[in-house]
């Protein structure tokens, strides 16, 4: 397990979500090995000119 996950678990956090682009297959494999599970989700983003 990664150090970051260990730290938040020790702090009492019960759930961690992360996002990754579909084309990052190496990252996806790493997340799976760390215990993250893929879930169905719709992520929406609005870019604001600023």
Protein backbone atom coordinates (compact mmCIF):
# COMPACT_ATOMS: atom_id res chain seq x y z
CA UNK A 1 0.00 0.00 0.00
CA UNK A 2 1.23 3.48 -0.78
CA UNK A 3 2.40 5.83 1.95
CA UNK A 4 -0.34 8.35 1.13
CA UNK A 5 -3.09 5.79 1.56
CA UNK A 6 -1.51 4.62 4.80
CA UNK A 7 -1.44 8.20 6.14
CA UNK A 8 -5.07 8.95 5.35
CA UNK A 9 -6.18 5.59 6.78
CA UNK A 10 -4.36 6.39 10.02
CA UNK A 11 -6.14 9.76 10.04
CA UNK A 12 -9.50 7.97 9.97
CA UNK A 13 -10.39 8.54 6.33
CA UNK A 14 -12.68 5.75 5.12
CA UNK A 15 -12.66 6.26 1.35
CA UNK A 16 -10.24 7.62 -1.24
CA UNK A 17 -11.24 8.33 -4.83
CA UNK A 18 -8.87 9.15 -7.65
CA UNK A 19 -9.27 9.75 -11.32
CA UNK A 20 -7.03 8.83 -14.20
CA UNK A 21 -7.27 9.10 -17.95
CA UNK A 22 -8.22 5.92 -19.81
CA UNK A 23 -4.98 5.97 -21.81
CA UNK A 24 -2.86 5.67 -18.64
CA UNK A 25 -2.89 1.87 -18.52
CA UNK A 26 0.29 1.61 -16.41
CA UNK A 27 -1.22 3.90 -13.78
CA UNK A 28 -4.46 1.90 -13.82
CA UNK A 29 -2.56 -1.34 -13.19
CA UNK A 30 -0.69 0.29 -10.30
CA UNK A 31 -3.93 1.53 -8.72
CA UNK A 32 -5.39 -1.97 -8.97
CA UNK A 33 -2.33 -3.46 -7.25
CA UNK A 34 -2.71 -0.87 -4.47
CA UNK A 35 -6.30 -2.02 -3.87
CA UNK A 36 -8.31 0.57 -5.79
CA UNK A 37 -11.30 -0.80 -7.69
CA UNK A 38 -12.68 0.61 -10.93
CA UNK A 39 -16.18 2.00 -10.54
CA UNK A 40 -18.70 3.31 -13.00
CA UNK A 41 -18.83 7.06 -12.87
CA UNK A 42 -19.66 10.08 -14.92
CA UNK A 43 -17.25 12.91 -14.41
CA UNK A 44 -18.26 16.29 -15.76
CA UNK A 45 -15.95 19.25 -16.22
CA UNK A 46 -16.52 22.81 -17.28
CA UNK A 47 -13.56 24.92 -18.32
CA UNK A 48 -14.05 28.57 -17.46
CA UNK A 49 -12.19 31.21 -19.38
CA UNK A 50 -10.44 33.38 -16.96
